[in-house]
């Protein structure tokens, strides 16, 4: 499959899976902790019995970063999926990134921003998904989000996701921002060399 692919896969597999490890064994850098989760299969069922990535036994990978100093954090395993969905008002179907996530606020929040870096099968960044929620949150809250995927090639190649809360604003006006340098360092430790520009979104969310 190539040297680059082999290195990326081996570094991904070297991280203990969520089912086999406790949080103390996750990657830690300063206040940030990154955990690995096994995602949905790379193979996707389409219409008329057709399959995308037919013959693949791979599962997508999810990495969730949490900051102990943040006023709001992600709960559980919020990893995006690649889905082929039919529009309610038409007969057409499209590919989407979808995520169902739960957040928990340790102090009252009036807005927060979620980001998820999409990485392809060879360890290169495809894009960064972003959603900004302007709402009051004082404890737990759930979000169901989706972004349209603009090509079948992208849907086929999207392999790993690094998901985190990037910003938040408290009711007192304090603005939290995650340490992006540490995000890059953690990504490098699982075989993905990202740059500052890779952390910025390229398309808006479809609600």
N, C-alpha and C. Protein backbone atom coordinates (compact mmCIF):
# COMPACT_ATOMS: atom_id res chain seq x y z
N UNK A 1 0.82 -1.22 0.00
CA UNK A 1 0.00 0.00 0.00
C UNK A 1 0.85 1.27 0.00
N UNK A 2 2.12 1.11 0.19
CA UNK A 2 2.98 2.28 0.22
C UNK A 2 3.49 2.57 1.61
N UNK A 3 4.70 3.15 1.66
CA UNK A 3 5.35 3.39 2.95
C UNK A 3 4.56 4.39 3.79
N UNK A 4 4.08 5.50 3.18
CA UNK A 4 3.37 6.53 3.95
C UNK A 4 2.11 5.95 4.57
N UNK A 5 1.33 5.20 3.78
CA UNK A 5 0.10 4.61 4.29
C UNK A 5 0.39 3.65 5.44
N UNK A 6 1.44 2.82 5.27
CA UNK A 6 1.77 1.82 6.30
C UNK A 6 2.16 2.49 7.61
N UNK A 7 2.93 3.58 7.52
CA UNK A 7 3.35 4.29 8.73
C UNK A 7 2.15 4.90 9.44
N UNK A 8 1.25 5.53 8.66
CA UNK A 8 0.08 6.18 9.25
C UNK A 8 -0.81 5.16 9.95
N UNK A 9 -1.08 4.05 9.26
CA UNK A 9 -1.95 3.03 9.84
C UNK A 9 -1.32 2.43 11.09
N UNK A 10 -0.01 2.18 11.05
CA UNK A 10 0.65 1.56 12.21
C UNK A 10 0.64 2.49 13.41
N UNK A 11 0.77 3.80 13.19
CA UNK A 11 0.74 4.75 14.30
C UNK A 11 -0.67 4.87 14.86
N UNK A 12 -1.68 4.82 13.99
CA UNK A 12 -3.07 4.83 14.44
C UNK A 12 -3.36 3.61 15.31
N UNK A 13 -2.94 2.43 14.82
CA UNK A 13 -3.23 1.20 15.54
C UNK A 13 -2.43 1.08 16.83
N UNK A 14 -1.33 1.83 16.94
CA UNK A 14 -0.51 1.77 18.14
C UNK A 14 -1.20 2.41 19.33
N UNK A 15 -2.13 3.33 19.09
CA UNK A 15 -2.88 3.92 20.19
C UNK A 15 -3.89 2.92 20.71
N UNK A 16 -4.00 2.71 22.03
CA UNK A 16 -4.97 1.76 22.58
C UNK A 16 -6.39 2.18 22.25
N UNK A 17 -7.24 1.21 21.90
CA UNK A 17 -8.62 1.53 21.60
C UNK A 17 -9.37 1.86 22.88
N UNK A 18 -10.53 2.57 22.75
CA UNK A 18 -11.30 2.97 23.91
C UNK A 18 -11.77 1.75 24.71
N UNK A 19 -12.09 0.70 24.00
CA UNK A 19 -12.62 -0.49 24.67
C UNK A 19 -11.53 -1.22 25.48
N UNK A 20 -10.27 -0.93 25.18
CA UNK A 20 -9.19 -1.67 25.81
C UNK A 20 -8.36 -0.84 26.78
N UNK A 21 -8.71 0.43 26.93
CA UNK A 21 -7.84 1.27 27.76
C UNK A 21 -8.65 2.28 28.56
N UNK A 22 -8.04 2.80 29.62
CA UNK A 22 -8.66 3.82 30.44
C UNK A 22 -8.06 5.16 30.10
N UNK A 23 -8.67 6.24 30.57
CA UNK A 23 -8.22 7.57 30.21
C UNK A 23 -6.76 7.86 30.54
N UNK A 24 -6.21 7.35 31.65
CA UNK A 24 -4.80 7.63 31.94
C UNK A 24 -3.85 7.16 30.85
N UNK A 25 -4.26 6.23 29.97
CA UNK A 25 -3.42 5.74 28.89
C UNK A 25 -3.58 6.52 27.60
N UNK A 26 -4.42 7.55 27.58
CA UNK A 26 -4.60 8.38 26.41
C UNK A 26 -3.40 9.31 26.25
N UNK A 27 -3.28 9.92 25.07
CA UNK A 27 -2.21 10.89 24.84
C UNK A 27 -2.51 12.17 25.61
N UNK A 28 -1.52 12.68 26.33
CA UNK A 28 -1.70 13.87 27.16
C UNK A 28 -0.61 14.88 26.83
N UNK A 29 -1.01 16.14 26.67
CA UNK A 29 -0.07 17.24 26.46
C UNK A 29 -0.63 18.46 27.18
N UNK A 30 0.00 18.84 28.30
CA UNK A 30 -0.50 19.96 29.09
C UNK A 30 -1.89 19.66 29.62
N UNK A 31 -2.82 20.58 29.37
CA UNK A 31 -4.21 20.41 29.81
C UNK A 31 -5.03 19.56 28.85
N UNK A 32 -4.45 19.20 27.70
CA UNK A 32 -5.21 18.50 26.67
C UNK A 32 -4.96 16.99 26.70
N UNK A 33 -6.05 16.24 26.54
CA UNK A 33 -6.00 14.79 26.47
C UNK A 33 -6.68 14.34 25.19
N UNK A 34 -6.05 13.41 24.46
CA UNK A 34 -6.64 12.90 23.22
C UNK A 34 -6.87 11.40 23.35
N UNK A 35 -8.12 10.99 23.10
CA UNK A 35 -8.50 9.57 23.13
C UNK A 35 -8.89 9.10 21.74
N UNK A 36 -8.65 7.82 21.49
CA UNK A 36 -8.95 7.20 20.20
C UNK A 36 -10.19 6.33 20.31
N UNK A 37 -11.03 6.37 19.25
CA UNK A 37 -12.22 5.54 19.19
C UNK A 37 -12.33 4.91 17.81
N UNK A 38 -12.90 3.72 17.75
CA UNK A 38 -13.16 3.07 16.47
C UNK A 38 -14.47 3.59 15.90
N UNK A 39 -14.42 4.05 14.65
CA UNK A 39 -15.60 4.62 14.02
C UNK A 39 -16.35 3.62 13.15
N UNK A 40 -17.18 4.14 12.26
CA UNK A 40 -18.01 3.32 11.38
C UNK A 40 -17.15 2.73 10.25
N UNK A 41 -17.63 1.68 9.59
CA UNK A 41 -16.88 1.08 8.48
C UNK A 41 -16.63 2.07 7.34
N UNK A 42 -15.50 1.88 6.65
CA UNK A 42 -15.21 2.67 5.45
C UNK A 42 -16.20 2.33 4.34
N UNK A 43 -16.68 1.09 4.34
CA UNK A 43 -17.64 0.65 3.32
C UNK A 43 -19.02 1.23 3.64
N UNK A 44 -19.66 1.85 2.63
CA UNK A 44 -20.97 2.49 2.82
C UNK A 44 -21.95 1.93 1.80
N UNK A 45 -23.14 1.56 2.27
CA UNK A 45 -24.19 1.08 1.37
C UNK A 45 -24.91 2.26 0.72
N UNK A 46 -25.01 2.22 -0.61
CA UNK A 46 -25.68 3.27 -1.38
C UNK A 46 -27.01 2.73 -1.90
N UNK A 47 -27.58 3.38 -2.90
CA UNK A 47 -28.84 2.90 -3.49
C UNK A 47 -28.59 1.71 -4.42
N UNK A 48 -29.62 0.89 -4.60
CA UNK A 48 -29.62 -0.20 -5.56
C UNK A 48 -28.52 -1.24 -5.30
N UNK A 49 -28.17 -1.42 -4.04
CA UNK A 49 -27.19 -2.44 -3.70
C UNK A 49 -25.75 -2.08 -3.97
N UNK A 50 -25.49 -0.84 -4.38
CA UNK A 50 -24.12 -0.39 -4.66
C UNK A 50 -23.42 -0.04 -3.35
N UNK A 51 -22.12 -0.29 -3.26
CA UNK A 51 -21.35 0.02 -2.06
C UNK A 51 -20.15 0.89 -2.42
N UNK A 52 -19.93 1.93 -1.63
CA UNK A 52 -18.71 2.73 -1.73
C UNK A 52 -17.63 2.05 -0.91
N UNK A 53 -16.43 1.97 -1.45
CA UNK A 53 -15.31 1.26 -0.81
C UNK A 53 -15.62 -0.23 -0.63
N UNK A 54 -16.28 -0.80 -1.64
CA UNK A 54 -16.60 -2.22 -1.61
C UNK A 54 -15.31 -3.04 -1.48
N UNK A 55 -15.32 -3.99 -0.57
CA UNK A 55 -14.14 -4.83 -0.35
C UNK A 55 -13.23 -4.34 0.75
N UNK A 56 -13.51 -3.17 1.33
CA UNK A 56 -12.68 -2.64 2.41
C UNK A 56 -13.12 -3.21 3.75
N UNK A 57 -12.14 -3.60 4.57
CA UNK A 57 -12.43 -4.08 5.92
C UNK A 57 -12.08 -3.04 6.98
N UNK A 58 -11.65 -1.85 6.53
CA UNK A 58 -11.24 -0.81 7.46
C UNK A 58 -12.42 -0.14 8.14
N UNK A 59 -12.23 0.30 9.37
CA UNK A 59 -13.15 1.20 10.06
C UNK A 59 -12.51 2.57 10.15
N UNK A 60 -13.34 3.59 10.10
CA UNK A 60 -12.82 4.94 10.31
C UNK A 60 -12.37 5.10 11.76
N UNK A 61 -11.54 6.11 12.01
CA UNK A 61 -10.99 6.34 13.34
C UNK A 61 -11.42 7.71 13.86
N UNK A 62 -11.73 7.77 15.15
CA UNK A 62 -12.08 9.03 15.79
C UNK A 62 -11.11 9.36 16.90
N UNK A 63 -10.69 10.62 16.96
CA UNK A 63 -9.84 11.12 18.04
C UNK A 63 -10.54 12.32 18.66
N UNK A 64 -10.76 12.27 19.96
CA UNK A 64 -11.45 13.35 20.66
C UNK A 64 -10.47 14.01 21.62
N UNK A 65 -10.34 15.33 21.50
CA UNK A 65 -9.45 16.10 22.37
C UNK A 65 -10.29 16.87 23.38
N UNK A 66 -9.90 16.74 24.65
CA UNK A 66 -10.59 17.45 25.73
C UNK A 66 -9.58 18.28 26.50
N UNK A 67 -10.02 19.47 26.94
CA UNK A 67 -9.16 20.39 27.68
C UNK A 67 -9.71 20.55 29.10
N UNK A 68 -8.92 20.17 30.08
CA UNK A 68 -9.38 20.25 31.48
C UNK A 68 -9.59 21.69 31.94
N UNK A 69 -9.00 22.66 31.22
CA UNK A 69 -9.15 24.07 31.61
C UNK A 69 -10.34 24.74 30.93
N UNK A 70 -11.01 24.03 30.01
CA UNK A 70 -12.13 24.63 29.26
C UNK A 70 -13.40 24.67 30.09
N UNK A 71 -14.26 25.67 29.85
CA UNK A 71 -15.53 25.75 30.59
C UNK A 71 -16.60 24.81 30.04
N UNK A 72 -16.30 24.13 28.93
CA UNK A 72 -17.24 23.20 28.33
C UNK A 72 -16.44 22.11 27.65
N UNK A 73 -16.94 20.86 27.69
CA UNK A 73 -16.18 19.75 27.13
C UNK A 73 -17.10 18.76 26.45
N UNK A 74 -16.53 17.94 25.57
CA UNK A 74 -17.28 16.89 24.88
C UNK A 74 -17.39 15.66 25.76
N UNK A 75 -18.55 15.00 25.68
CA UNK A 75 -18.81 13.80 26.46
C UNK A 75 -18.91 12.59 25.52
N UNK A 76 -18.39 11.47 25.94
CA UNK A 76 -18.55 10.23 25.17
C UNK A 76 -17.63 10.13 23.98
N UNK A 77 -18.18 9.62 22.86
CA UNK A 77 -17.40 9.34 21.65
C UNK A 77 -17.95 10.12 20.45
N UNK A 78 -17.88 11.43 20.45
CA UNK A 78 -18.45 12.23 19.36
C UNK A 78 -17.57 12.22 18.11
N UNK A 79 -17.71 11.18 17.31
CA UNK A 79 -16.92 11.05 16.08
C UNK A 79 -17.83 11.15 14.87
N UNK A 80 -17.51 12.02 13.90
CA UNK A 80 -18.36 12.12 12.70
C UNK A 80 -18.44 10.81 11.93
N UNK A 81 -19.55 10.64 11.23
CA UNK A 81 -19.75 9.51 10.31
C UNK A 81 -19.85 10.06 8.89
N UNK A 82 -19.55 9.21 7.92
CA UNK A 82 -19.82 9.53 6.52
C UNK A 82 -21.07 8.75 6.14
N UNK A 83 -22.14 9.48 5.75
CA UNK A 83 -23.41 8.82 5.45
C UNK A 83 -23.94 9.25 4.09
N UNK A 84 -24.69 8.37 3.46
CA UNK A 84 -25.35 8.64 2.18
C UNK A 84 -26.84 8.81 2.49
N UNK A 85 -27.32 10.05 2.44
CA UNK A 85 -28.67 10.35 2.90
C UNK A 85 -29.55 10.86 1.77
N UNK A 86 -30.80 10.45 1.80
CA UNK A 86 -31.78 10.91 0.81
C UNK A 86 -32.50 12.16 1.34
N UNK A 87 -32.60 13.18 0.51
CA UNK A 87 -33.29 14.41 0.90
C UNK A 87 -34.78 14.13 1.09
N UNK A 88 -35.38 14.77 2.11
CA UNK A 88 -36.79 14.53 2.42
C UNK A 88 -37.71 15.02 1.31
N UNK A 89 -37.33 16.11 0.62
CA UNK A 89 -38.21 16.74 -0.36
C UNK A 89 -37.90 16.34 -1.80
N UNK A 90 -36.98 15.38 -2.02
CA UNK A 90 -36.64 14.99 -3.39
C UNK A 90 -36.20 13.52 -3.40
N UNK A 91 -35.92 13.05 -4.61
CA UNK A 91 -35.48 11.66 -4.77
C UNK A 91 -33.96 11.55 -4.83
N UNK A 92 -33.27 12.64 -4.64
CA UNK A 92 -31.81 12.63 -4.74
C UNK A 92 -31.18 12.32 -3.39
N UNK A 93 -29.97 11.78 -3.44
CA UNK A 93 -29.22 11.46 -2.23
C UNK A 93 -27.85 12.12 -2.31
N UNK A 94 -27.29 12.44 -1.16
CA UNK A 94 -25.98 13.06 -1.09
C UNK A 94 -25.19 12.48 0.07
N UNK A 95 -23.87 12.68 0.00
CA UNK A 95 -23.00 12.29 1.11
C UNK A 95 -22.93 13.42 2.12
N UNK A 96 -22.90 13.05 3.40
CA UNK A 96 -22.80 14.03 4.48
C UNK A 96 -21.86 13.50 5.57
N UNK A 97 -21.17 14.43 6.23
CA UNK A 97 -20.57 14.15 7.53
C UNK A 97 -21.66 14.42 8.55
N UNK A 98 -21.91 13.49 9.45
CA UNK A 98 -22.90 13.70 10.51
C UNK A 98 -22.26 13.42 11.86
N UNK A 99 -22.69 14.15 12.85
CA UNK A 99 -22.18 13.91 14.20
C UNK A 99 -23.28 14.20 15.22
N UNK A 100 -23.42 13.32 16.18
CA UNK A 100 -24.33 13.50 17.30
C UNK A 100 -23.45 13.61 18.54
N UNK A 101 -23.44 14.78 19.16
CA UNK A 101 -22.50 14.97 20.27
C UNK A 101 -23.19 15.58 21.49
N UNK A 102 -22.61 15.27 22.64
CA UNK A 102 -23.08 15.81 23.91
C UNK A 102 -21.96 16.63 24.53
N UNK A 103 -22.30 17.82 25.02
CA UNK A 103 -21.33 18.67 25.71
C UNK A 103 -21.77 18.86 27.15
N UNK A 104 -20.80 19.16 28.00
CA UNK A 104 -21.09 19.44 29.41
C UNK A 104 -20.38 20.73 29.82
N UNK A 105 -21.15 21.69 30.30
CA UNK A 105 -20.58 22.98 30.73
C UNK A 105 -20.32 22.96 32.23
N UNK A 106 -19.12 23.39 32.60
CA UNK A 106 -18.77 23.47 34.02
C UNK A 106 -19.08 24.85 34.59
N UNK A 107 -19.39 25.80 33.69
CA UNK A 107 -19.91 27.12 34.08
C UNK A 107 -20.82 27.59 32.96
N UNK A 108 -21.76 28.51 33.23
CA UNK A 108 -22.72 28.91 32.21
C UNK A 108 -22.07 29.44 30.94
N UNK A 109 -22.52 28.91 29.79
CA UNK A 109 -21.98 29.24 28.48
C UNK A 109 -23.06 29.89 27.64
N UNK A 110 -22.67 30.87 26.79
CA UNK A 110 -23.63 31.49 25.88
C UNK A 110 -23.35 31.15 24.42
N UNK A 111 -22.16 30.61 24.13
CA UNK A 111 -21.81 30.18 22.78
C UNK A 111 -20.59 29.28 22.83
N UNK A 112 -20.52 28.34 21.88
CA UNK A 112 -19.34 27.50 21.78
C UNK A 112 -19.18 27.03 20.33
N UNK A 113 -17.97 26.60 20.00
CA UNK A 113 -17.64 26.21 18.64
C UNK A 113 -17.01 24.82 18.64
N UNK A 114 -17.52 23.95 17.79
CA UNK A 114 -16.97 22.62 17.63
C UNK A 114 -16.23 22.54 16.31
N UNK A 115 -15.07 21.88 16.31
CA UNK A 115 -14.33 21.63 15.08
C UNK A 115 -13.95 20.16 15.00
N UNK A 116 -13.87 19.66 13.77
CA UNK A 116 -13.41 18.29 13.54
C UNK A 116 -12.54 18.28 12.29
N UNK A 117 -11.28 17.90 12.45
CA UNK A 117 -10.34 17.84 11.33
C UNK A 117 -10.53 16.50 10.63
N UNK A 118 -10.80 16.55 9.33
CA UNK A 118 -10.99 15.34 8.53
C UNK A 118 -9.66 14.99 7.87
N UNK A 119 -9.21 13.76 8.08
CA UNK A 119 -7.91 13.30 7.57
C UNK A 119 -8.13 12.14 6.63
N UNK A 120 -7.43 12.14 5.49
CA UNK A 120 -7.65 11.07 4.53
C UNK A 120 -6.85 9.82 4.86
N UNK A 121 -6.99 8.82 4.04
CA UNK A 121 -6.42 7.50 4.30
C UNK A 121 -4.89 7.53 4.33
N UNK A 122 -4.29 8.60 3.79
CA UNK A 122 -2.84 8.71 3.75
C UNK A 122 -2.30 9.69 4.80
N UNK A 123 -3.15 10.15 5.72
CA UNK A 123 -2.70 11.01 6.80
C UNK A 123 -2.69 12.49 6.47
N UNK A 124 -3.27 12.90 5.33
CA UNK A 124 -3.31 14.30 4.94
C UNK A 124 -4.66 14.91 5.31
N UNK A 125 -4.64 16.19 5.71
CA UNK A 125 -5.89 16.87 6.07
C UNK A 125 -6.72 17.15 4.82
N UNK A 126 -7.99 16.80 4.86
CA UNK A 126 -8.93 17.13 3.79
C UNK A 126 -9.55 18.50 4.03
N UNK A 127 -10.05 18.70 5.22
CA UNK A 127 -10.68 19.97 5.61
C UNK A 127 -10.93 19.94 7.11
N UNK A 128 -11.37 21.07 7.65
CA UNK A 128 -11.82 21.13 9.04
C UNK A 128 -13.29 21.53 9.05
N UNK A 129 -14.11 20.69 9.65
CA UNK A 129 -15.53 20.99 9.83
C UNK A 129 -15.70 21.90 11.04
N UNK A 130 -16.66 22.81 10.96
CA UNK A 130 -16.89 23.73 12.07
C UNK A 130 -18.37 24.01 12.25
N UNK A 131 -18.81 24.11 13.49
CA UNK A 131 -20.17 24.52 13.81
C UNK A 131 -20.13 25.39 15.06
N UNK A 132 -20.76 26.57 14.97
CA UNK A 132 -20.84 27.48 16.11
C UNK A 132 -22.26 27.51 16.63
N UNK A 133 -22.43 27.20 17.90
CA UNK A 133 -23.75 27.17 18.53
C UNK A 133 -23.88 28.38 19.46
N UNK A 134 -24.85 29.24 19.20
CA UNK A 134 -25.11 30.40 20.05
C UNK A 134 -26.36 30.08 20.87
N UNK A 135 -26.14 29.60 22.08
CA UNK A 135 -27.26 29.22 22.95
C UNK A 135 -26.74 29.14 24.38
N UNK A 136 -27.65 29.25 25.33
CA UNK A 136 -27.28 29.13 26.74
C UNK A 136 -27.14 27.66 27.12
N UNK A 137 -26.04 27.33 27.75
CA UNK A 137 -25.80 25.98 28.23
C UNK A 137 -25.26 26.07 29.65
N UNK A 138 -25.93 25.43 30.59
CA UNK A 138 -25.49 25.48 31.98
C UNK A 138 -25.08 24.11 32.52
N UNK A 139 -25.42 23.04 31.78
CA UNK A 139 -24.98 21.70 32.19
C UNK A 139 -24.76 20.87 30.93
N UNK A 140 -25.60 19.88 30.66
CA UNK A 140 -25.42 19.04 29.48
C UNK A 140 -26.34 19.48 28.34
N UNK A 141 -25.84 19.32 27.12
CA UNK A 141 -26.64 19.68 25.95
C UNK A 141 -26.23 18.78 24.79
N UNK A 142 -27.19 18.44 23.92
CA UNK A 142 -26.91 17.57 22.79
C UNK A 142 -27.10 18.31 21.47
N UNK A 143 -26.25 18.01 20.49
CA UNK A 143 -26.33 18.60 19.16
C UNK A 143 -26.29 17.50 18.11
N UNK A 144 -27.07 17.69 17.04
CA UNK A 144 -27.11 16.77 15.91
C UNK A 144 -26.75 17.61 14.68
N UNK A 145 -25.55 17.43 14.13
CA UNK A 145 -25.03 18.32 13.09
C UNK A 145 -24.67 17.54 11.83
N UNK A 146 -24.67 18.25 10.69
CA UNK A 146 -24.23 17.62 9.45
C UNK A 146 -23.62 18.65 8.50
N UNK A 147 -22.69 18.17 7.67
CA UNK A 147 -22.04 18.96 6.65
C UNK A 147 -22.10 18.19 5.34
N UNK A 148 -22.43 18.85 4.25
CA UNK A 148 -22.48 18.17 2.96
C UNK A 148 -21.07 17.86 2.47
N UNK A 149 -20.90 16.68 1.88
CA UNK A 149 -19.64 16.29 1.25
C UNK A 149 -19.80 16.52 -0.25
N UNK A 150 -18.85 17.24 -0.83
CA UNK A 150 -19.05 17.73 -2.19
C UNK A 150 -18.52 16.80 -3.28
N UNK A 151 -17.89 15.70 -2.92
CA UNK A 151 -17.45 14.75 -3.94
C UNK A 151 -17.42 13.35 -3.39
N UNK A 152 -17.62 12.37 -4.26
CA UNK A 152 -17.58 10.98 -3.84
C UNK A 152 -16.17 10.57 -3.44
N UNK A 153 -15.16 11.17 -4.09
CA UNK A 153 -13.78 10.87 -3.72
C UNK A 153 -13.50 11.24 -2.27
N UNK A 154 -14.01 12.39 -1.85
CA UNK A 154 -13.83 12.82 -0.46
C UNK A 154 -14.53 11.85 0.49
N UNK A 155 -15.74 11.46 0.15
CA UNK A 155 -16.48 10.51 1.00
C UNK A 155 -15.74 9.18 1.10
N UNK A 156 -15.09 8.78 0.03
CA UNK A 156 -14.37 7.52 0.01
C UNK A 156 -13.09 7.57 0.84
N UNK A 157 -12.38 8.69 0.79
CA UNK A 157 -11.05 8.78 1.39
C UNK A 157 -11.04 9.24 2.84
N UNK A 158 -12.10 9.88 3.32
CA UNK A 158 -12.13 10.38 4.71
C UNK A 158 -11.95 9.21 5.67
N UNK A 159 -10.89 9.24 6.47
CA UNK A 159 -10.54 8.08 7.29
C UNK A 159 -10.55 8.37 8.79
N UNK A 160 -10.01 9.51 9.19
CA UNK A 160 -9.90 9.82 10.62
C UNK A 160 -10.41 11.22 10.90
N UNK A 161 -10.88 11.43 12.14
CA UNK A 161 -11.43 12.72 12.56
C UNK A 161 -10.84 13.10 13.92
N UNK A 162 -10.35 14.33 14.02
CA UNK A 162 -9.88 14.86 15.30
C UNK A 162 -10.87 15.94 15.72
N UNK A 163 -11.64 15.67 16.77
CA UNK A 163 -12.78 16.51 17.14
C UNK A 163 -12.55 17.16 18.51
N UNK A 164 -12.92 18.44 18.63
CA UNK A 164 -12.69 19.17 19.88
C UNK A 164 -13.54 20.44 19.93
N UNK A 165 -13.69 20.99 21.13
CA UNK A 165 -14.29 22.32 21.30
C UNK A 165 -13.18 23.34 21.11
N UNK A 166 -13.31 24.19 20.10
CA UNK A 166 -12.24 25.14 19.78
C UNK A 166 -12.38 26.48 20.51
N UNK A 167 -13.63 26.91 20.74
CA UNK A 167 -13.86 28.19 21.40
C UNK A 167 -15.13 28.12 22.24
N UNK A 168 -15.22 29.00 23.23
CA UNK A 168 -16.45 29.12 24.03
C UNK A 168 -16.48 30.51 24.66
N UNK A 169 -17.68 30.99 24.91
CA UNK A 169 -17.87 32.27 25.60
C UNK A 169 -18.77 32.03 26.80
N UNK A 170 -18.31 32.45 27.96
CA UNK A 170 -19.09 32.26 29.18
C UNK A 170 -20.08 33.40 29.35
N UNK A 171 -21.04 33.22 30.27
CA UNK A 171 -22.05 34.24 30.51
C UNK A 171 -21.42 35.52 31.06
N UNK A 172 -20.25 35.42 31.68
CA UNK A 172 -19.56 36.59 32.21
C UNK A 172 -18.75 37.33 31.14
N UNK A 173 -18.69 36.78 29.91
CA UNK A 173 -17.98 37.43 28.82
C UNK A 173 -16.57 36.90 28.57
N UNK A 174 -16.13 35.95 29.36
CA UNK A 174 -14.80 35.37 29.18
C UNK A 174 -14.80 34.47 27.95
N UNK A 175 -13.78 34.63 27.08
CA UNK A 175 -13.68 33.83 25.86
C UNK A 175 -12.55 32.81 26.01
N UNK A 176 -12.90 31.55 25.81
CA UNK A 176 -11.93 30.46 25.85
C UNK A 176 -11.54 30.08 24.43
N UNK A 177 -10.25 29.81 24.18
CA UNK A 177 -9.77 29.28 22.91
C UNK A 177 -8.78 28.17 23.19
N UNK A 178 -8.93 27.06 22.49
CA UNK A 178 -8.03 25.93 22.70
C UNK A 178 -6.64 26.28 22.16
N UNK A 179 -5.62 25.65 22.71
CA UNK A 179 -4.24 25.87 22.28
C UNK A 179 -4.01 25.11 20.97
N UNK A 180 -3.99 25.84 19.86
CA UNK A 180 -3.87 25.20 18.55
C UNK A 180 -2.51 24.54 18.34
N UNK A 181 -1.47 25.09 18.95
CA UNK A 181 -0.15 24.49 18.83
C UNK A 181 -0.15 23.07 19.40
N UNK A 182 -0.85 22.89 20.52
CA UNK A 182 -0.92 21.56 21.13
C UNK A 182 -1.76 20.62 20.27
N UNK A 183 -2.79 21.13 19.60
CA UNK A 183 -3.58 20.32 18.67
C UNK A 183 -2.66 19.74 17.60
N UNK A 184 -1.80 20.58 17.03
CA UNK A 184 -0.88 20.13 15.98
C UNK A 184 0.10 19.08 16.51
N UNK A 185 0.57 19.28 17.75
CA UNK A 185 1.52 18.33 18.33
C UNK A 185 0.86 16.97 18.58
N UNK A 186 -0.38 16.98 19.07
CA UNK A 186 -1.09 15.72 19.30
C UNK A 186 -1.38 15.01 17.98
N UNK A 187 -1.76 15.76 16.95
CA UNK A 187 -2.03 15.16 15.64
C UNK A 187 -0.77 14.51 15.08
N UNK A 188 0.38 15.16 15.28
CA UNK A 188 1.64 14.60 14.78
C UNK A 188 1.97 13.27 15.44
N UNK A 189 1.54 13.11 16.69
CA UNK A 189 1.85 11.88 17.43
C UNK A 189 1.03 10.69 16.96
N UNK A 190 0.00 10.93 16.14
CA UNK A 190 -0.75 9.81 15.54
C UNK A 190 -0.55 9.78 14.03
N UNK A 191 0.54 10.38 13.57
CA UNK A 191 0.95 10.23 12.18
C UNK A 191 0.40 11.23 11.20
N UNK A 192 -0.22 12.31 11.66
CA UNK A 192 -0.76 13.31 10.75
C UNK A 192 -0.06 14.65 10.96
N UNK A 193 0.68 15.11 9.95
CA UNK A 193 1.39 16.37 10.04
C UNK A 193 0.51 17.49 9.51
N UNK A 194 -0.10 18.22 10.43
CA UNK A 194 -1.00 19.31 10.07
C UNK A 194 -0.29 20.65 10.19
N UNK A 195 -0.86 21.66 9.55
CA UNK A 195 -0.36 23.03 9.66
C UNK A 195 -1.45 23.90 10.27
N UNK A 196 -1.11 25.15 10.60
CA UNK A 196 -2.09 26.08 11.16
C UNK A 196 -3.29 26.24 10.23
N UNK A 197 -3.04 26.30 8.91
CA UNK A 197 -4.13 26.51 7.96
C UNK A 197 -5.07 25.31 7.90
N UNK A 198 -4.58 24.11 8.23
CA UNK A 198 -5.43 22.92 8.22
C UNK A 198 -6.50 22.98 9.30
N UNK A 199 -6.27 23.78 10.35
CA UNK A 199 -7.23 23.86 11.45
C UNK A 199 -8.40 24.79 11.15
N UNK A 200 -8.30 25.54 10.04
CA UNK A 200 -9.36 26.49 9.70
C UNK A 200 -10.37 25.86 8.74
N UNK A 201 -11.65 26.10 8.97
CA UNK A 201 -12.70 25.49 8.11
C UNK A 201 -12.71 26.10 6.71
N UNK A 202 -13.16 25.31 5.75
CA UNK A 202 -13.23 25.77 4.36
C UNK A 202 -14.66 25.92 3.85
N UNK A 203 -15.61 25.27 4.55
CA UNK A 203 -17.00 25.38 4.11
C UNK A 203 -17.90 25.53 5.33
N UNK A 204 -19.07 26.12 5.10
CA UNK A 204 -20.02 26.32 6.18
C UNK A 204 -20.82 25.06 6.44
N UNK A 205 -21.37 24.97 7.63
CA UNK A 205 -22.21 23.84 8.02
C UNK A 205 -23.56 23.90 7.30
N UNK A 206 -24.10 22.73 6.96
CA UNK A 206 -25.45 22.63 6.41
C UNK A 206 -26.37 22.15 7.51
N UNK A 207 -27.33 22.95 7.88
CA UNK A 207 -28.21 22.59 8.99
C UNK A 207 -29.52 22.02 8.47
